[in-house]
Protein backbone atom coordinates (compact mmCIF):
# COMPACT_ATOMS: atom_id res chain seq x y z
CA MET A 1 0.00 0.00 0.00
CA ALA A 2 1.20 3.51 -0.80
CA ASN A 3 2.14 5.67 2.15
CA TYR A 4 -0.74 7.85 3.28
CA THR A 5 -0.79 10.12 6.27
CA THR A 6 -3.34 9.59 9.04
CA ILE A 7 -6.22 12.02 8.53
CA GLN A 8 -9.25 12.94 10.66
CA ARG A 9 -11.66 15.80 11.35
CA GLY A 10 -9.86 19.09 10.54
CA SER A 11 -7.36 17.57 8.04
CA GLN A 12 -6.97 19.18 4.63
CA GLY A 13 -5.10 18.37 1.42
CA GLU A 14 -4.68 15.77 -1.34
CA ASP A 15 -4.94 12.73 0.95
CA THR A 16 -8.29 14.01 2.20
CA LYS A 17 -9.45 14.42 -1.41
CA LYS A 18 -8.39 10.84 -2.23
CA TRP A 19 -10.34 9.56 0.76
CA GLN A 20 -13.44 11.57 -0.23
CA LYS A 21 -13.27 10.15 -3.78
CA PHE A 22 -13.06 6.64 -2.31
CA LEU A 23 -16.13 7.27 -0.10
CA ARG A 24 -18.01 8.63 -3.15
CA ALA A 25 -17.16 5.39 -5.03
CA GLN A 26 -18.67 3.40 -2.11
CA GLY A 27 -22.00 5.18 -2.63
CA TYR A 28 -21.74 8.01 -0.06
CA ASN A 29 -22.91 11.35 -1.46
CA LEU A 30 -20.40 13.94 -0.28
CA ALA A 31 -18.47 16.89 -1.71
CA ILE A 32 -14.85 16.36 -2.79
CA ASP A 33 -13.24 19.55 -1.45
CA GLY A 34 -10.17 18.27 0.40
CA ILE A 35 -11.57 19.37 3.79
CA PHE A 36 -12.24 16.70 6.44
CA GLY A 37 -15.41 18.23 7.95
CA ASP A 38 -18.57 16.95 9.61
CA GLU A 39 -19.87 15.23 6.45
CA THR A 40 -16.61 13.36 5.76
CA ASP A 41 -16.39 12.35 9.44
CA LYS A 42 -19.96 10.99 9.36
CA TYR A 43 -19.45 8.83 6.24
CA THR A 44 -16.01 7.66 7.45
CA ARG A 45 -17.62 6.31 10.61
CA GLU A 46 -20.38 4.61 8.57
CA TYR A 47 -17.72 2.97 6.34
CA GLN A 48 -15.75 1.78 9.40
CA SER A 49 -18.87 0.32 11.00
CA LYS A 50 -19.88 -1.46 7.78
CA ASN A 51 -16.39 -3.02 7.39
CA ASN A 52 -15.89 -4.07 11.05
CA LEU A 53 -13.24 -1.44 11.74
CA THR A 54 -12.80 0.67 14.87
CA VAL A 55 -15.43 3.43 14.55
CA ASP A 56 -13.45 6.54 15.53
CA GLY A 57 -13.53 8.70 12.35
CA ILE A 58 -9.73 8.44 12.04
CA VAL A 59 -8.37 7.19 8.68
CA GLY A 60 -5.30 5.21 9.74
CA GLU A 61 -3.48 2.21 8.29
CA LYS A 62 -6.38 -0.27 8.55
CA THR A 63 -8.96 2.14 7.15
CA TRP A 64 -6.62 3.16 4.29
CA ALA A 65 -6.34 -0.56 3.35
CA GLY A 66 -9.78 -0.39 1.72
CA TYR A 67 -8.64 2.49 -0.47
CA ALA A 68 -5.54 0.55 -1.57
CA ASP A 69 -7.72 -2.34 -2.81
CA TYR A 70 -10.01 0.13 -4.58
CA GLU A 71 -7.01 1.80 -6.24
CA ARG A 72 -5.67 -1.55 -7.49
CA ARG A 73 -9.03 -2.40 -9.06
CA LEU A 74 -9.44 1.11 -10.46
CA PHE A 75 -6.17 1.05 -12.39
CA SER A 76 -5.92 -2.67 -13.24
CA THR A 77 -5.23 -3.65 -16.89
CA PRO A 78 -7.34 -6.59 -18.14
CA THR A 79 -5.57 -9.30 -20.18
CA THR A 80 -7.01 -10.62 -23.42
CA PRO A 81 -9.09 -13.74 -22.60
CA THR A 82 -8.47 -17.03 -24.38
CA ALA A 83 -10.98 -19.57 -25.63
CA THR A 84 -10.06 -22.02 -22.86
CA ASN A 85 -10.11 -19.56 -19.95
CA THR A 86 -13.16 -17.37 -20.41
CA ALA A 87 -14.48 -18.16 -16.93
CA THR A 88 -11.59 -16.47 -15.10
CA ASN A 89 -10.67 -13.64 -17.47
CA THR A 90 -13.51 -11.31 -16.48
CA ALA A 91 -13.13 -7.62 -17.19
CA GLY A 92 -11.28 -5.53 -14.66
CA THR A 93 -9.99 -8.37 -12.50
CA VAL A 94 -6.41 -8.95 -13.83
CA GLY A 95 -3.59 -6.71 -15.09
CA THR A 96 -0.63 -4.64 -13.99
CA GLY A 97 -2.37 -1.22 -13.74
CA PHE A 98 -1.52 2.25 -15.01
CA GLU A 99 1.66 3.68 -13.53
CA TYR A 100 3.24 7.10 -13.90
CA LYS A 101 5.91 8.71 -11.83
CA ASP A 102 4.78 11.22 -9.21
CA PHE A 103 5.37 14.91 -9.74
CA GLU A 104 8.48 15.97 -7.89
CA TYR A 105 9.64 19.50 -7.16
CA ASP A 106 11.84 20.84 -4.40
CA ASP A 107 10.07 22.43 -1.44
CA PHE A 108 10.31 26.19 -1.02
CA ASN A 109 13.35 27.09 1.04
CA TYR A 110 14.18 30.52 2.46
CA ASP A 111 17.33 30.55 4.56
CA LYS A 112 16.84 33.94 6.16
CA THR A 113 15.05 34.09 9.55
CA TYR A 114 13.36 36.91 11.38
CA THR A 115 14.81 37.85 14.78
CA PRO A 116 12.28 39.75 16.89
CA PRO A 117 13.45 42.42 19.35
CA LYS A 118 13.42 41.75 23.10
CA ASP A 119 10.06 42.12 24.83
CA PHE A 120 8.89 45.60 25.78
CA GLU A 121 9.59 46.38 29.43
CA TYR A 122 8.20 49.16 31.68
CA ASP A 123 7.71 49.50 35.44
CA ASP A 124 4.25 48.47 36.73
CA PHE A 125 1.85 51.10 38.14
CA GLU A 126 1.81 51.22 41.94
CA TYR A 127 -0.68 52.98 44.27
CA GLY A 128 -1.78 52.28 47.85
CA ASP A 129 -4.98 50.27 48.71
CA TYR A 130 -8.20 52.00 49.85
CA GLN A 131 -8.59 52.69 53.63
CA GLU A 132 -12.01 53.57 55.21
CA SER A 133 -12.38 56.97 56.95
CA ASP A 134 -13.67 57.37 60.58
CA THR A 135 -17.10 58.52 59.27
CA VAL A 136 -17.49 55.32 57.22
CA LYS A 137 -16.43 53.13 60.15
CA ALA A 138 -19.03 54.79 62.49
CA ALA A 139 -21.84 54.21 59.95
CA ASN A 140 -20.85 50.54 59.65
CA GLN A 141 -20.85 50.05 63.44
CA ALA A 142 -24.41 51.49 63.72
CA LEU A 143 -25.58 49.07 60.96
CA GLN A 144 -24.02 46.04 62.65
CA ALA A 145 -25.60 46.93 66.05
CA HIS A 146 -29.10 47.12 64.48
CA THR A 147 -28.58 43.87 62.57
CA ALA A 148 -28.07 42.04 65.86
CA LYS A 149 -31.61 43.07 66.94
CA LYS A 150 -33.37 41.08 64.16
CA PRO A 151 -36.69 39.46 65.37
CA GLY A 152 -36.63 35.65 65.87
CA GLU A 153 -38.46 33.04 63.78
CA TYR A 154 -42.30 33.10 63.81
CA GLN A 155 -43.91 30.62 66.26
CA SER A 156 -47.54 29.63 65.47
CA LYS A 157 -50.00 28.65 68.24
CA TRP A 158 -52.63 27.44 65.73
CA GLN A 159 -50.46 25.11 63.64
CA SER A 160 -51.35 21.86 65.44
CA GLN A 161 -55.08 22.53 65.05
CA LEU A 162 -54.60 23.44 61.38
CA ASP A 163 -52.68 20.22 60.79
CA ASP A 164 -55.43 18.20 62.44
CA ALA A 165 -58.15 19.88 60.34
CA ILE A 166 -56.33 19.41 57.05
CA ASN A 167 -55.56 15.78 57.98
CA ARG A 168 -59.27 15.06 58.48
CA ILE A 169 -60.07 16.69 55.14
CA LEU A 170 -57.37 14.86 53.17
CA ASN A 171 -57.86 11.45 54.81
CA ARG A 172 -61.64 11.50 54.72
CA GLU A 173 -63.08 8.29 53.29
CA LYS A 174 -64.54 8.48 49.78
CA PHE A 175 -68.33 8.46 49.50
CA SER A 176 -69.96 5.05 49.19
CA TYR A 177 -73.56 3.92 49.49
CA ASP A 178 -74.84 0.47 50.48
CA PHE A 179 -78.63 0.47 50.27
CA ASN A 180 -78.80 -2.78 52.25
CA GLY A 181 -77.43 -0.88 55.25
CA ASP A 182 -79.86 2.06 54.80
CA ALA A 183 -82.77 1.82 57.30
CA LEU A 184 -85.04 3.89 55.05
CA TYR A 185 -84.36 1.51 52.16
CA GLN A 186 -85.34 -1.46 54.39
CA GLN A 187 -88.66 0.21 55.14
CA TYR A 188 -89.36 0.68 51.44
CA LYS A 189 -88.23 -2.90 50.77
CA ASP A 190 -90.70 -4.39 53.27
CA LYS A 191 -93.46 -2.23 51.86
CA TYR A 192 -92.93 -3.16 48.17
CA ILE A 193 -92.38 -6.88 48.88
CA GLN A 194 -95.72 -6.96 50.71
CA GLN A 195 -97.40 -5.11 47.84
CA GLY A 196 -95.78 -7.50 45.33
CA LYS A 197 -97.06 -10.58 47.14
CA MET A 198 -100.56 -9.16 47.24
CA ALA A 199 -100.47 -8.26 43.56
CA MET A 200 -99.18 -11.72 42.67
CA ALA A 201 -101.98 -13.41 44.68
CA ASP A 202 -104.67 -11.24 43.06
CA THR A 203 -103.34 -11.85 39.56
CA MET A 204 -103.08 -15.61 40.05
CA GLY A 205 -106.65 -15.71 41.46
CA GLN A 206 -108.01 -13.81 38.50
CA ALA A 207 -106.17 -16.09 36.05
CA ALA A 208 -107.40 -19.23 37.85
CA ALA A 209 -110.99 -17.95 37.76
CA MET A 210 -110.76 -17.87 33.98
CA THR A 211 -110.02 -21.61 33.92
CA GLY A 212 -112.67 -22.75 36.35
CA GLY A 213 -110.66 -22.22 39.50
CA TYR A 214 -107.76 -24.49 38.58
CA GLY A 215 -104.18 -23.32 38.70
CA ASN A 216 -102.13 -23.30 35.51
CA SER A 217 -98.77 -22.15 34.12
CA TYR A 218 -100.30 -18.94 32.76
CA ALA A 219 -101.61 -17.98 36.21
CA ALA A 220 -98.20 -18.60 37.78
CA SER A 221 -96.43 -16.56 35.09
CA ALA A 222 -98.89 -13.66 35.35
CA GLY A 223 -98.64 -13.66 39.14
CA ASN A 224 -94.85 -13.63 39.08
CA GLN A 225 -94.90 -10.77 36.56
CA ALA A 226 -97.11 -8.70 38.88
CA TYR A 227 -94.72 -9.45 41.76
CA GLN A 228 -91.69 -8.34 39.73
CA GLN A 229 -93.41 -5.09 38.71
CA SER A 230 -93.90 -4.26 42.40
CA LEU A 231 -90.22 -4.97 43.15
CA GLN A 232 -89.22 -2.72 40.21
CA GLN A 233 -90.79 0.20 42.10
CA LEU A 234 -88.37 -0.58 44.95
CA ASN A 235 -85.43 -0.35 42.51
CA ASP A 236 -86.75 2.97 41.19
CA ILE A 237 -86.52 4.54 44.70
CA VAL A 238 -82.78 3.62 45.11
CA PRO A 239 -81.38 6.68 43.13
CA GLU A 240 -83.34 9.05 45.38
CA LEU A 241 -82.03 7.35 48.55
CA TYR A 242 -78.47 7.50 47.06
CA LYS A 243 -78.81 11.27 46.46
CA MET A 244 -80.00 11.87 50.05
CA ALA A 245 -76.98 10.00 51.44
CA TYR A 246 -74.59 11.87 49.11
CA ASP A 247 -75.99 15.27 50.20
CA ARG A 248 -75.34 14.36 53.86
CA TYR A 249 -71.76 13.36 52.98
CA ASN A 250 -71.12 16.70 51.18
CA GLN A 251 -72.50 18.74 54.12
CA GLU A 252 -70.15 16.99 56.53
CA GLY A 253 -67.22 17.85 54.22
CA GLN A 254 -68.28 21.51 54.02
CA ASP A 255 -68.32 21.70 57.85
CA LEU A 256 -64.70 20.52 57.91
CA TYR A 257 -63.69 23.19 55.33
CA ASN A 258 -65.45 25.92 57.39
CA GLN A 259 -63.54 24.87 60.52
CA TYR A 260 -60.24 24.94 58.60
CA GLY A 261 -61.05 28.42 57.22
CA MET A 262 -61.70 29.81 60.73
CA LEU A 263 -58.34 28.48 62.00
CA THR A 264 -56.59 29.90 58.93
CA ASP A 265 -57.99 33.40 59.67
CA ARG A 266 -56.63 33.23 63.24
CA GLU A 267 -53.24 32.10 61.96
CA ASN A 268 -53.09 34.89 59.32
CA THR A 269 -53.88 37.56 61.95
CA ASP A 270 -51.02 36.45 64.25
CA TYR A 271 -48.59 36.08 61.36
CA GLY A 272 -49.50 39.57 60.06
CA ARG A 273 -48.54 41.12 63.39
CA TYR A 274 -45.22 39.25 63.32
CA ARG A 275 -44.51 40.46 59.76
CA ASP A 276 -45.18 44.08 60.85
CA SER A 277 -42.42 43.83 63.49
CA VAL A 278 -40.06 42.31 60.92
CA SER A 279 -40.93 45.07 58.43
CA ASP A 280 -40.11 47.78 60.98
CA TRP A 281 -36.74 46.15 61.62
CA GLN A 282 -36.02 45.86 57.87
CA ASN A 283 -36.90 49.53 57.26
CA GLU A 284 -34.45 50.65 59.94
CA ARG A 285 -31.79 48.27 58.56
CA ASP A 286 -32.30 49.65 55.03
CA TYR A 287 -31.90 53.22 56.31
CA LEU A 288 -28.65 52.41 58.13
CA THR A 289 -27.40 50.42 55.11
CA GLY A 290 -28.10 53.36 52.80
CA ARG A 291 -26.25 55.77 55.08
CA TYR A 292 -23.26 53.43 55.28
CA ASP A 293 -23.18 52.90 51.47
CA SER A 294 -23.43 56.66 50.86
CA GLU A 295 -20.54 57.49 53.21
CA ARG A 296 -18.38 54.67 51.84
CA ASN A 297 -19.10 55.52 48.18
CA PHE A 298 -18.23 59.17 48.69
CA ASP A 299 -15.01 58.24 50.47
CA TYR A 300 -14.06 55.58 47.88
CA SER A 301 -14.87 57.91 44.98
CA LYS A 302 -12.37 60.45 46.30
CA TYR A 303 -9.77 57.66 46.55
CA THR A 304 -10.37 56.41 42.96
CA ASN A 305 -10.21 59.92 41.49
CA ASP A 306 -6.79 60.46 43.00
CA ARG A 307 -5.60 57.00 41.88
CA ASN A 308 -6.91 57.46 38.33
CA PHE A 309 -5.15 60.77 37.97
CA GLU A 310 -1.83 59.19 38.89
CA TYR A 311 -2.57 56.16 36.61
CA GLY A 312 -3.27 58.45 33.67
CA LYS A 313 0.14 60.09 33.94
CA TRP A 314 1.81 56.66 34.20
CA ALA A 315 -0.10 55.28 31.18
CA ASP A 316 0.79 58.25 28.96
CA ASP A 317 4.48 57.79 29.66
CA ARG A 318 4.33 54.00 29.07
CA ASN A 319 2.36 54.33 25.78
CA PHE A 320 4.86 56.81 24.42
CA GLU A 321 7.73 54.43 25.07
CA TYR A 322 5.76 51.41 23.69
CA GLY A 323 4.98 53.31 20.49
CA LYS A 324 8.66 53.83 19.76
CA TRP A 325 9.40 50.13 20.47
CA ALA A 326 6.53 48.88 18.26
CA ASP A 327 7.46 51.09 15.31
CA ASP A 328 10.97 49.68 15.23
CA ARG A 329 9.71 46.07 15.51
CA ASN A 330 7.05 46.42 12.77
CA PHE A 331 9.45 48.05 10.33
CA ASN A 332 11.96 45.22 10.65
CA TYR A 333 9.26 42.47 10.43
CA ASN A 334 7.56 43.96 7.35
CA GLN A 335 10.88 44.19 5.58
CA PHE A 336 11.52 40.48 6.26
CA ILE A 337 8.01 39.45 5.05
CA ASN A 338 8.27 41.45 1.83
CA ASP A 339 11.61 39.87 0.94
CA ARG A 340 10.33 36.34 1.66
CA ASN A 341 7.08 36.83 -0.32
CA PHE A 342 9.02 38.04 -3.33
CA GLU A 343 11.14 34.89 -3.34
CA TYR A 344 8.07 32.64 -2.76
CA ASP A 345 6.17 34.14 -5.72
CA LYS A 346 9.11 33.36 -7.97
CA TYR A 347 9.17 29.77 -6.62
CA VAL A 348 5.40 29.24 -7.18
CA ASN A 349 5.52 30.51 -10.76
CA ASP A 350 8.38 28.16 -11.63
CA ARG A 351 6.71 25.17 -9.90
CA ASP A 352 3.33 25.75 -11.59
CA PHE A 353 4.98 25.92 -14.97
CA GLU A 354 6.74 22.60 -14.43
CA TYR A 355 3.57 20.98 -13.03
CA GLY A 356 1.58 22.06 -16.09
CA LYS A 357 4.02 20.26 -18.35
CA TYR A 358 3.92 17.19 -16.06
CA SER A 359 0.08 17.11 -16.06
CA ASP A 360 -0.09 17.30 -19.84
CA ASP A 361 2.37 14.42 -20.24
CA ARG A 362 0.60 12.24 -17.64
CA GLY A 363 -2.84 12.89 -19.16
CA TYR A 364 -1.61 11.92 -22.60
CA ALA A 365 -0.08 8.72 -21.23
CA TYR A 366 -3.22 7.78 -19.31
CA ASN A 367 -5.50 8.31 -22.32
CA ASN A 368 -3.30 5.97 -24.35
CA TYR A 369 -3.46 3.41 -21.51
CA ARG A 370 -7.27 3.54 -21.29
CA ASP A 371 -7.67 3.27 -25.09
CA GLY A 372 -5.51 0.15 -25.04
CA ILE A 373 -7.60 -1.76 -22.48
CA GLU A 374 -11.13 -0.87 -23.59
CA ASP A 375 -11.39 -3.49 -26.36
CA ARG A 376 -9.95 -6.21 -24.10
CA GLN A 377 -12.45 -5.19 -21.42
CA TRP A 378 -15.38 -5.69 -23.80
CA GLU A 379 -14.04 -8.99 -25.17
CA ALA A 380 -13.64 -10.45 -21.68
CA THR A 381 -17.18 -9.35 -20.76
CA PHE A 382 -18.61 -10.88 -23.95
CA ASN A 383 -16.92 -14.27 -23.40
CA GLU A 384 -18.18 -14.41 -19.83
CA GLY A 385 -21.68 -13.57 -21.05
CA VAL A 386 -21.57 -16.42 -23.61
CA ARG A 387 -20.50 -18.86 -20.90
CA GLN A 388 -23.28 -17.80 -18.55
CA TYR A 389 -25.85 -17.87 -21.39
CA ASN A 390 -24.95 -21.47 -22.32
CA GLU A 391 -25.06 -22.49 -18.67
CA GLN A 392 -28.50 -20.90 -18.21
CA PHE A 393 -29.79 -22.50 -21.46
CA GLU A 394 -28.90 -26.00 -20.25
CA TYR A 395 -30.43 -25.29 -16.85
CA GLN A 396 -33.68 -24.05 -18.45
CA LYS A 397 -33.98 -27.18 -20.61
CA GLY A 398 -33.94 -29.25 -17.44
CA ARG A 399 -36.52 -27.00 -15.78
CA ASP A 400 -38.83 -27.23 -18.85
CA ALA A 401 -38.74 -31.05 -18.71
CA ILE A 402 -39.73 -30.98 -15.04
CA ALA A 403 -42.55 -28.47 -15.78
CA ASP A 404 -43.96 -30.69 -18.60
CA SER A 405 -44.00 -33.72 -16.29
CA GLN A 406 -45.71 -31.71 -13.56
CA TRP A 407 -48.34 -30.40 -16.01
CA GLN A 408 -49.22 -33.96 -17.13
CA LYS A 409 -49.71 -35.03 -13.50
CA GLU A 410 -51.97 -32.04 -12.82
CA PHE A 411 -53.98 -32.73 -16.01
CA ASP A 412 -54.48 -36.38 -15.07
CA GLU A 413 -55.60 -35.35 -11.56
CA ALA A 414 -58.07 -32.83 -13.02
CA MET A 415 -59.57 -35.53 -15.28
CA ARG A 416 -59.88 -37.91 -12.31
CA GLN A 417 -61.71 -35.26 -10.28
CA TYR A 418 -63.99 -34.53 -13.26
CA ASN A 419 -64.94 -38.21 -13.67
CA GLU A 420 -65.65 -38.53 -9.94
CA SER A 421 -67.82 -35.41 -10.11
CA MET A 422 -69.84 -36.76 -13.06
CA ALA A 423 -70.40 -40.10 -11.28
CA PHE A 424 -71.51 -38.31 -8.12
CA SER A 425 -73.95 -36.12 -10.10
CA LYS A 426 -75.57 -39.19 -11.67
CA THR A 427 -75.99 -40.81 -8.23
CA GLN A 428 -77.61 -37.65 -6.88
CA TYR A 429 -80.00 -37.49 -9.83
CA ASN A 430 -81.12 -41.13 -9.31
CA ASP A 431 -81.55 -40.58 -5.57
CA SER A 432 -83.71 -37.50 -6.15
CA LYS A 433 -86.02 -39.47 -8.47
CA LYS A 434 -86.44 -42.15 -5.79
CA VAL A 435 -87.27 -39.58 -3.12
CA SER A 436 -89.87 -37.87 -5.34
CA SER A 437 -91.68 -41.18 -6.04
CA GLY A 438 -91.64 -42.12 -2.31
CA GLY A 439 -94.01 -39.25 -1.29
CA GLY A 440 -91.39 -37.38 0.79
CA SER A 441 -90.74 -33.68 0.34
CA TYR A 442 -87.49 -32.46 -1.37
CA THR A 443 -86.07 -28.94 -1.44
CA GLY A 444 -82.70 -27.55 -2.58
CA SER A 445 -80.90 -24.51 -3.90
CA SER A 446 -78.24 -24.02 -6.56
CA GLY A 447 -74.84 -25.14 -5.32
CA SER A 448 -76.06 -26.25 -1.84
CA HIS A 449 -77.82 -29.22 -0.12
CA SER A 450 -80.57 -29.31 2.56
CA SER A 451 -82.94 -31.96 4.04
CA ASN A 452 -86.52 -31.91 5.45
CA ASN A 453 -88.61 -34.38 7.42
CA GLY A 454 -91.09 -36.15 5.15
CA GLY A 455 -94.86 -36.03 5.51
CA SER A 456 -97.12 -38.96 6.23
CA GLY A 457 -95.94 -40.71 3.09
CA GLY A 458 -92.32 -41.22 4.22
CA THR A 459 -89.01 -39.49 5.15
CA GLY A 460 -87.36 -36.88 2.84
CA ASN A 461 -83.76 -37.24 1.62
CA THR A 462 -80.97 -34.73 1.00
CA GLY A 463 -81.59 -32.85 -2.26
CA ASN A 464 -79.64 -30.64 -4.67
CA THR A 465 -81.05 -28.81 -7.63
CA GLY A 466 -77.60 -27.56 -8.59
CA ASN A 467 -74.55 -29.47 -9.84
CA THR A 468 -71.11 -29.70 -8.20
CA ASN A 469 -69.45 -30.13 -11.63
CA ASN A 470 -67.20 -27.06 -12.20
CA LYS A 471 -67.87 -27.25 -15.94
CA ASN A 472 -71.51 -26.20 -15.40
CA THR A 473 -71.39 -23.97 -12.30
CA GLY A 474 -68.56 -21.67 -13.42
CA GLY A 475 -66.11 -22.72 -10.64
CA VAL A 476 -62.53 -23.66 -11.60
CA SER A 477 -60.29 -25.75 -9.33
CA GLY A 478 -57.33 -24.09 -7.61
CA THR A 479 -54.95 -26.50 -9.38
CA ILE A 480 -56.07 -25.32 -12.84
CA GLN A 481 -55.94 -21.64 -11.82
CA SER A 482 -52.44 -22.04 -10.36
CA LYS A 483 -51.24 -23.84 -13.51
CA ALA A 484 -52.72 -21.14 -15.78
CA SER A 485 -50.88 -18.40 -13.88
CA SER A 486 -47.49 -20.16 -14.26
CA PHE A 487 -47.19 -19.77 -18.09
CA SER A 488 -44.85 -17.07 -19.39
CA ASN A 489 -45.69 -17.82 -23.05
CA ASN A 490 -49.19 -16.91 -24.31
CA ASP A 491 -49.21 -19.73 -26.93
CA ASP A 492 -48.47 -22.36 -24.26
CA LEU A 493 -51.24 -20.92 -22.06
CA ALA A 494 -53.76 -21.05 -24.96
CA ASN A 495 -52.85 -24.67 -25.82
CA TYR A 496 -53.26 -25.72 -22.17
CA LEU A 497 -56.71 -24.09 -21.82
CA ASP A 498 -57.91 -25.39 -25.21
CA GLY A 499 -57.00 -28.92 -24.14
CA LEU A 500 -59.02 -28.60 -20.89
CA ALA A 501 -62.01 -27.17 -22.76
CA ALA A 502 -61.89 -29.93 -25.43
CA SER A 503 -61.80 -32.57 -22.67
CA GLY A 504 -64.83 -31.02 -20.95
CA VAL A 505 -62.89 -30.13 -17.74
CA ILE A 506 -63.81 -26.45 -18.18
CA THR A 507 -66.16 -24.57 -20.51
CA GLU A 508 -65.12 -22.38 -23.43
CA SER A 509 -66.15 -19.25 -21.50
CA GLN A 510 -64.03 -20.34 -18.53
CA ALA A 511 -61.07 -20.92 -20.85
CA ASP A 512 -61.52 -17.43 -22.37
CA ALA A 513 -61.70 -15.85 -18.90
CA LEU A 514 -58.57 -17.69 -17.67
CA TYR A 515 -56.65 -16.68 -20.81
CA ALA A 516 -57.63 -13.00 -20.43
CA GLU A 517 -56.63 -13.05 -16.74
CA ASN A 518 -53.24 -14.78 -17.12
CA LYS A 519 -51.90 -13.80 -20.56
CA THR A 520 -48.54 -12.01 -20.64
CA PRO A 521 -48.69 -8.40 -21.94
CA GLU A 522 -46.70 -7.60 -25.06
CA LYS A 523 -43.32 -6.06 -24.14
CA VAL A 524 -41.26 -3.49 -26.05
CA SER A 525 -37.87 -4.51 -27.43
CA LEU A 526 -34.85 -4.44 -25.10
CA ASN A 527 -33.17 -1.40 -26.69
CA LYS A 528 -36.31 0.74 -26.09
CA ARG A 529 -36.81 -0.07 -22.40
CA SER A 530 -35.97 2.16 -19.46
CA TRP A 531 -33.27 0.91 -17.07
CA THR A 532 -32.43 1.44 -13.41
CA LEU A 533 -29.26 0.39 -11.57
CA VAL A 534 -29.89 -2.37 -8.97
CA ASP A 535 -26.26 -3.26 -8.03
CA ASP A 536 -23.08 -1.50 -9.24
CA GLY A 537 -21.06 -4.72 -8.90
CA GLY A 538 -18.78 -3.19 -6.26
CA VAL A 539 -16.80 -1.12 -8.80
CA ASN A 540 -17.53 2.28 -10.36
CA TRP A 541 -14.99 2.78 -13.17
CA LEU A 542 -13.96 6.14 -14.51
CA TRP A 543 -15.97 5.47 -17.69
CA GLY A 544 -19.10 4.14 -15.90
CA VAL A 545 -20.41 1.16 -13.95
CA ASP A 546 -18.75 -2.28 -14.16
CA ASN A 547 -19.90 -5.14 -16.45
CA ASN A 548 -20.91 -7.07 -13.32
CA ALA A 549 -23.44 -4.34 -12.49
CA VAL A 550 -27.09 -5.47 -12.44
CA VAL A 551 -29.85 -3.41 -14.15
CA LYS A 552 -33.66 -3.77 -14.12
CA ASP A 553 -36.24 -2.80 -16.81
CA GLN A 554 -39.79 -1.52 -16.26
CA TYR A 555 -41.12 -5.10 -16.33
CA GLY A 556 -38.99 -6.16 -13.37
CA ASN A 557 -36.51 -8.24 -15.47
CA THR A 558 -32.87 -8.04 -14.33
CA TYR A 559 -29.69 -8.44 -16.40
CA LYS A 560 -25.98 -8.21 -15.82
CA LEU A 561 -24.49 -5.62 -18.17
CA GLY A 562 -21.96 -8.25 -19.33
CA LYS A 563 -24.86 -10.44 -20.56
CA LEU A 564 -27.09 -7.66 -21.90
CA VAL A 565 -25.10 -7.55 -25.18
CA ASP A 566 -26.08 -11.19 -25.89
CA ALA A 567 -29.71 -10.49 -25.03
CA LEU A 568 -29.78 -7.49 -27.39
CA VAL A 569 -28.26 -9.57 -30.21
CA ALA A 570 -30.91 -12.26 -29.59
CA ASP A 571 -33.53 -9.48 -29.73
CA GLY A 572 -32.42 -8.54 -33.27
CA MET A 573 -29.61 -5.97 -32.84
CA SER A 574 -26.20 -6.30 -34.45
CA LYS A 575 -23.31 -7.07 -32.12
CA SER A 576 -21.60 -3.72 -32.75
CA ASP A 577 -24.85 -1.81 -32.09
CA ALA A 578 -25.48 -3.87 -28.95
CA LYS A 579 -21.97 -3.11 -27.58
CA ALA A 580 -22.43 0.61 -28.32
CA TYR A 581 -25.83 0.57 -26.60
CA VAL A 582 -24.46 -1.08 -23.43
CA LYS A 583 -21.41 1.20 -23.38
CA LYS A 584 -23.68 4.24 -23.47
CA LEU A 585 -25.84 2.70 -20.72
CA GLN A 586 -22.71 2.14 -18.58
CA LYS A 587 -21.83 5.82 -18.77
CA GLN A 588 -25.38 6.94 -17.98
CA LEU A 589 -25.71 4.69 -14.91
CA GLY A 590 -22.22 5.60 -13.66
CA ALA A 591 -22.85 9.37 -13.84
């Protein structure tokens, strides 16, 4: 592997550009600008994760190894395949590769160095620290004495009662109503049960009177219904009893809230008095603080004015001396930079001139190299396509033989089912005639069977006015439908359906319907179809995608580009036109 420097986020230069081109060839969409930024870092980490490398965004020796393999494949020179070795001489897999010496030019060298002057030196500014006056000290002492008189923490004498009240409110049991435990409900219950029994007795007596005084099931049913109607009145009174109990529960809760509100008012009154005493203390503290701040600020302002005046004189003197030192330093440095830039411009002009000549020579050599391998590339691809075509042809012959055998088995099974169906239909017809002559009743519906009990003349039998034969009812077996959908050739499909219709397995109309449902639409020729790239084959050459790339047409058919030439020739194109067509397609898909 060529020597490449380790690069990561923040790196810039040609190695970064090479790495970005490699990532682009792997399918990552990023700009090739030679700057290792956020986008390059993101795709580098994705590449490392995909290839089981340490995911750190750093392109070191192991990560560069992938680029080295890509570079070998990119510049490999295919050998001309022979008739006995077409399987291994695939395009782009063997060869020595394009080589050209690297551009060499001496680095810029400037032997003169800049010697800066010694650092600027000047004595630091000195002035005494601030000292408080006697007036400021007295104001501070008065403030500290008042601060010591701050009222203590508030002590509540109502807090325990408030806690007890709120505890009873928060822990109060949720409302529930059990009518069985309600005395009023029990009174109503006794009343309506008694009324129900009386109503039941009256109703049963009236019903018995209608039948000569004898009890009967109607009398019992009517009496029970009257009893249940009386009990329903008891159920209707339950919502009213529930509401009365709920109103009592809410009133008890309101009493607790009123008690808590009264205690809160007492607490607020005592706390207000405490806050008044604290407020008086704070007002006095604020006054003393203000007086202290005013005295101190006045005193400190006088100190800073005097210090600033002295600092201003010191700064003026220092700036004057620094200005003289800086002027001398800048003059000497600018002179050095101007001399170095003049020499560097001469160096760049000479180097660019030499590099232009080098680039022209290398480009000419590379174009000759690419022209030399293009024909060998196509020949290797063509031979591989022929081999794969012959292999697929032999495989398909075997598959066709299996399909023909399977079709014959399915046809024989369909005929067996048809014969069984006809025999069963005849048996049903004979049975129905016997049932009709026996005096029993017979009913049926198309496509279904049912049975009835006979009258006095005998017992009815299962009947069917329809016919289970698919030929007459319009139904087609799943086996025939599955077979019809498996044909890729419309002529084969038509022959299969005509044979079933001629044998009586299906009707002509069923055959027409199956043909219309399963026939293959006419397709346009290969050279007029639209293509999309499914797999680039792992290599994206400078002139387009590789011959191992897989493409798909609008019908869902897939081809390797190396075999598409043969398919185009079989579709009626000349070999030269087919190669030109695929070459153009390679460039389009590799753009």
